[in-house]
Amino acid sequence: MVSFRALAQRLVADGVVERMTHQRVSQLSREDPAFPRVVQIGRSKAVDYRLARPYFAGRKSRQGERTDLKPKE
């Protein structure tokens, strides 16, 4: 289990993604139903790296996509 901050750092260090912040990891955990299970440890949230790595490796990056132009679902 790794914290969101450690997950972001490790994904970059392992070359899974070019850049990642713990804020983006937190946002994905809230918005994406396919995100691996999150565990609360004290005030921090953690995720199993063995599940998170394949999730991020298979995820399509949509940087700069204009979501304001899409119709609300």
N, C-alpha and C. Protein backbone atom coordinates (compact mmCIF):
# COMPACT_ATOMS: atom_id res chain seq x y z
N MET A 1 0.85 -1.17 0.00
CA MET A 1 0.00 0.00 0.00
C MET A 1 0.90 1.24 0.00
N VAL A 2 0.52 2.18 -0.85
CA VAL A 2 1.27 3.44 -0.92
C VAL A 2 0.29 4.60 -0.86
N SER A 3 0.75 5.71 -0.27
CA SER A 3 -0.08 6.91 -0.22
C SER A 3 -0.21 7.49 -1.62
N PHE A 4 -1.15 8.40 -1.78
CA PHE A 4 -1.34 9.03 -3.08
C PHE A 4 -0.08 9.78 -3.50
N ARG A 5 0.58 10.44 -2.56
CA ARG A 5 1.81 11.18 -2.87
C ARG A 5 2.91 10.22 -3.33
N ALA A 6 3.09 9.12 -2.59
CA ALA A 6 4.11 8.13 -2.95
C ALA A 6 3.76 7.45 -4.27
N LEU A 7 2.47 7.22 -4.51
CA LEU A 7 2.04 6.61 -5.76
C LEU A 7 2.41 7.48 -6.95
N ALA A 8 2.13 8.77 -6.85
CA ALA A 8 2.46 9.69 -7.94
C ALA A 8 3.96 9.69 -8.21
N GLN A 9 4.76 9.75 -7.17
CA GLN A 9 6.22 9.74 -7.33
C GLN A 9 6.71 8.44 -7.93
N ARG A 10 6.15 7.33 -7.49
CA ARG A 10 6.61 6.02 -7.96
C ARG A 10 6.21 5.76 -9.41
N LEU A 11 5.03 6.22 -9.81
CA LEU A 11 4.60 6.06 -11.21
C LEU A 11 5.54 6.79 -12.16
N VAL A 12 5.99 7.98 -11.75
CA VAL A 12 6.94 8.74 -12.58
C VAL A 12 8.30 8.05 -12.57
N ALA A 13 8.76 7.63 -11.39
CA ALA A 13 10.07 6.98 -11.28
C ALA A 13 10.12 5.68 -12.08
N ASP A 14 9.02 4.94 -12.12
CA ASP A 14 8.96 3.67 -12.85
C ASP A 14 8.70 3.87 -14.34
N GLY A 15 8.48 5.10 -14.76
CA GLY A 15 8.26 5.39 -16.17
C GLY A 15 6.87 5.03 -16.68
N VAL A 16 5.93 4.83 -15.78
CA VAL A 16 4.56 4.49 -16.18
C VAL A 16 3.89 5.72 -16.80
N VAL A 17 4.11 6.88 -16.19
CA VAL A 17 3.58 8.15 -16.70
C VAL A 17 4.71 9.16 -16.71
N GLU A 18 4.55 10.18 -17.56
CA GLU A 18 5.59 11.21 -17.64
C GLU A 18 5.54 12.14 -16.44
N ARG A 19 4.32 12.55 -16.08
CA ARG A 19 4.13 13.43 -14.91
C ARG A 19 2.86 13.03 -14.19
N MET A 20 2.87 13.19 -12.87
CA MET A 20 1.68 12.89 -12.07
C MET A 20 1.82 13.61 -10.73
N THR A 21 0.71 14.15 -10.24
CA THR A 21 0.69 14.77 -8.92
C THR A 21 -0.26 14.00 -8.02
N HIS A 22 -0.07 14.15 -6.72
CA HIS A 22 -0.96 13.47 -5.79
C HIS A 22 -2.38 14.06 -5.88
N GLN A 23 -2.48 15.33 -6.29
CA GLN A 23 -3.80 15.94 -6.46
C GLN A 23 -4.56 15.25 -7.60
N ARG A 24 -3.85 14.92 -8.69
CA ARG A 24 -4.49 14.25 -9.82
C ARG A 24 -4.90 12.83 -9.43
N VAL A 25 -4.06 12.15 -8.66
CA VAL A 25 -4.40 10.81 -8.18
C VAL A 25 -5.67 10.88 -7.34
N SER A 26 -5.75 11.88 -6.46
CA SER A 26 -6.93 12.05 -5.63
C SER A 26 -8.17 12.33 -6.47
N GLN A 27 -8.04 13.17 -7.48
CA GLN A 27 -9.16 13.49 -8.36
C GLN A 27 -9.65 12.23 -9.09
N LEU A 28 -8.73 11.45 -9.62
CA LEU A 28 -9.11 10.22 -10.31
C LEU A 28 -9.80 9.24 -9.36
N SER A 29 -9.33 9.17 -8.12
CA SER A 29 -9.94 8.25 -7.16
C SER A 29 -11.38 8.63 -6.87
N ARG A 30 -11.70 9.91 -6.93
CA ARG A 30 -13.06 10.38 -6.69
C ARG A 30 -13.96 10.23 -7.91
N GLU A 31 -13.40 10.45 -9.12
CA GLU A 31 -14.23 10.55 -10.31
C GLU A 31 -14.29 9.29 -11.17
N ASP A 32 -13.30 8.43 -11.11
CA ASP A 32 -13.25 7.26 -11.99
C ASP A 32 -13.67 6.00 -11.24
N PRO A 33 -14.79 5.40 -11.62
CA PRO A 33 -15.24 4.19 -10.93
C PRO A 33 -14.29 2.99 -11.13
N ALA A 34 -13.43 3.04 -12.15
CA ALA A 34 -12.49 1.95 -12.39
C ALA A 34 -11.23 2.07 -11.54
N PHE A 35 -11.10 3.15 -10.77
CA PHE A 35 -9.91 3.35 -9.95
C PHE A 35 -9.83 2.25 -8.89
N PRO A 36 -8.62 1.74 -8.61
CA PRO A 36 -8.48 0.68 -7.59
C PRO A 36 -9.01 1.13 -6.23
N ARG A 37 -9.36 0.17 -5.41
CA ARG A 37 -9.92 0.43 -4.08
C ARG A 37 -8.98 1.27 -3.23
N VAL A 38 -9.54 2.29 -2.60
CA VAL A 38 -8.78 3.21 -1.75
C VAL A 38 -9.03 2.86 -0.30
N VAL A 39 -7.95 2.88 0.50
CA VAL A 39 -8.04 2.58 1.92
C VAL A 39 -7.63 3.82 2.70
N GLN A 40 -8.43 4.17 3.71
CA GLN A 40 -8.11 5.30 4.57
C GLN A 40 -7.19 4.81 5.69
N ILE A 41 -6.01 5.45 5.83
CA ILE A 41 -5.06 5.11 6.89
C ILE A 41 -4.78 6.41 7.64
N GLY A 42 -5.41 6.55 8.78
CA GLY A 42 -5.31 7.83 9.50
C GLY A 42 -5.98 8.90 8.67
N ARG A 43 -5.25 9.99 8.40
CA ARG A 43 -5.79 11.05 7.56
C ARG A 43 -5.39 10.89 6.10
N SER A 44 -4.56 9.90 5.82
CA SER A 44 -4.09 9.67 4.45
C SER A 44 -4.91 8.60 3.76
N LYS A 45 -4.88 8.64 2.43
CA LYS A 45 -5.51 7.60 1.63
C LYS A 45 -4.40 6.83 0.93
N ALA A 46 -4.62 5.52 0.80
CA ALA A 46 -3.61 4.66 0.20
C ALA A 46 -4.27 3.70 -0.78
N VAL A 47 -3.43 3.19 -1.68
CA VAL A 47 -3.90 2.25 -2.70
C VAL A 47 -2.82 1.19 -2.90
N ASP A 48 -3.23 0.01 -3.31
CA ASP A 48 -2.29 -1.07 -3.57
C ASP A 48 -1.57 -0.79 -4.89
N TYR A 49 -0.25 -0.67 -4.85
CA TYR A 49 0.51 -0.33 -6.05
C TYR A 49 0.38 -1.42 -7.12
N ARG A 50 0.23 -2.66 -6.71
CA ARG A 50 0.10 -3.75 -7.68
C ARG A 50 -1.18 -3.63 -8.50
N LEU A 51 -2.19 -2.94 -7.98
CA LEU A 51 -3.42 -2.70 -8.72
C LEU A 51 -3.39 -1.35 -9.44
N ALA A 52 -2.73 -0.38 -8.83
CA ALA A 52 -2.69 0.97 -9.40
C ALA A 52 -1.80 1.05 -10.64
N ARG A 53 -0.69 0.33 -10.64
CA ARG A 53 0.24 0.42 -11.79
C ARG A 53 -0.43 0.01 -13.10
N PRO A 54 -1.11 -1.15 -13.16
CA PRO A 54 -1.78 -1.50 -14.41
C PRO A 54 -2.90 -0.52 -14.78
N TYR A 55 -3.58 0.03 -13.77
CA TYR A 55 -4.64 1.01 -14.03
C TYR A 55 -4.06 2.22 -14.76
N PHE A 56 -2.96 2.77 -14.26
CA PHE A 56 -2.35 3.95 -14.88
C PHE A 56 -1.66 3.60 -16.19
N ALA A 57 -1.08 2.42 -16.30
CA ALA A 57 -0.42 2.02 -17.54
C ALA A 57 -1.42 1.87 -18.68
N GLY A 58 -2.63 1.43 -18.39
CA GLY A 58 -3.63 1.23 -19.42
C GLY A 58 -4.54 2.41 -19.65
N ARG A 59 -4.37 3.45 -18.85
CA ARG A 59 -5.24 4.62 -18.93
C ARG A 59 -4.79 5.55 -20.05
N LYS A 60 -5.76 6.02 -20.83
CA LYS A 60 -5.46 6.96 -21.92
C LYS A 60 -5.42 8.37 -21.35
N SER A 61 -4.31 9.07 -21.55
CA SER A 61 -4.16 10.44 -21.07
C SER A 61 -4.92 11.38 -22.00
N ARG A 62 -5.68 12.29 -21.42
CA ARG A 62 -6.44 13.25 -22.21
C ARG A 62 -6.06 14.67 -21.80
N GLN A 63 -4.78 14.95 -21.72
CA GLN A 63 -4.32 16.26 -21.28
C GLN A 63 -4.79 17.33 -22.25
N GLY A 64 -5.31 18.41 -21.70
CA GLY A 64 -5.73 19.55 -22.50
C GLY A 64 -7.08 19.39 -23.16
N GLU A 65 -7.80 18.32 -22.85
CA GLU A 65 -9.11 18.11 -23.44
C GLU A 65 -10.09 19.15 -22.88
N ARG A 66 -10.86 19.76 -23.74
CA ARG A 66 -11.82 20.80 -23.33
C ARG A 66 -13.10 20.14 -22.86
N THR A 67 -13.23 19.95 -21.57
CA THR A 67 -14.43 19.32 -21.02
C THR A 67 -15.61 20.29 -20.99
N ASP A 68 -15.33 21.60 -21.08
CA ASP A 68 -16.42 22.57 -21.04
C ASP A 68 -17.24 22.55 -22.33
N LEU A 69 -16.70 21.96 -23.39
CA LEU A 69 -17.42 21.89 -24.67
C LEU A 69 -18.27 20.64 -24.79
N LYS A 70 -18.06 19.69 -23.91
CA LYS A 70 -18.82 18.44 -23.93
C LYS A 70 -20.16 18.64 -23.25
N PRO A 71 -21.21 17.97 -23.76
CA PRO A 71 -22.51 18.06 -23.08
C PRO A 71 -22.45 17.34 -21.74
N LYS A 72 -23.15 17.87 -20.77
CA LYS A 72 -23.19 17.25 -19.45
C LYS A 72 -24.02 15.98 -19.52
N GLU A 73 -23.53 14.93 -18.87
CA GLU A 73 -24.24 13.64 -18.89
C GLU A 73 -25.06 13.47 -17.65
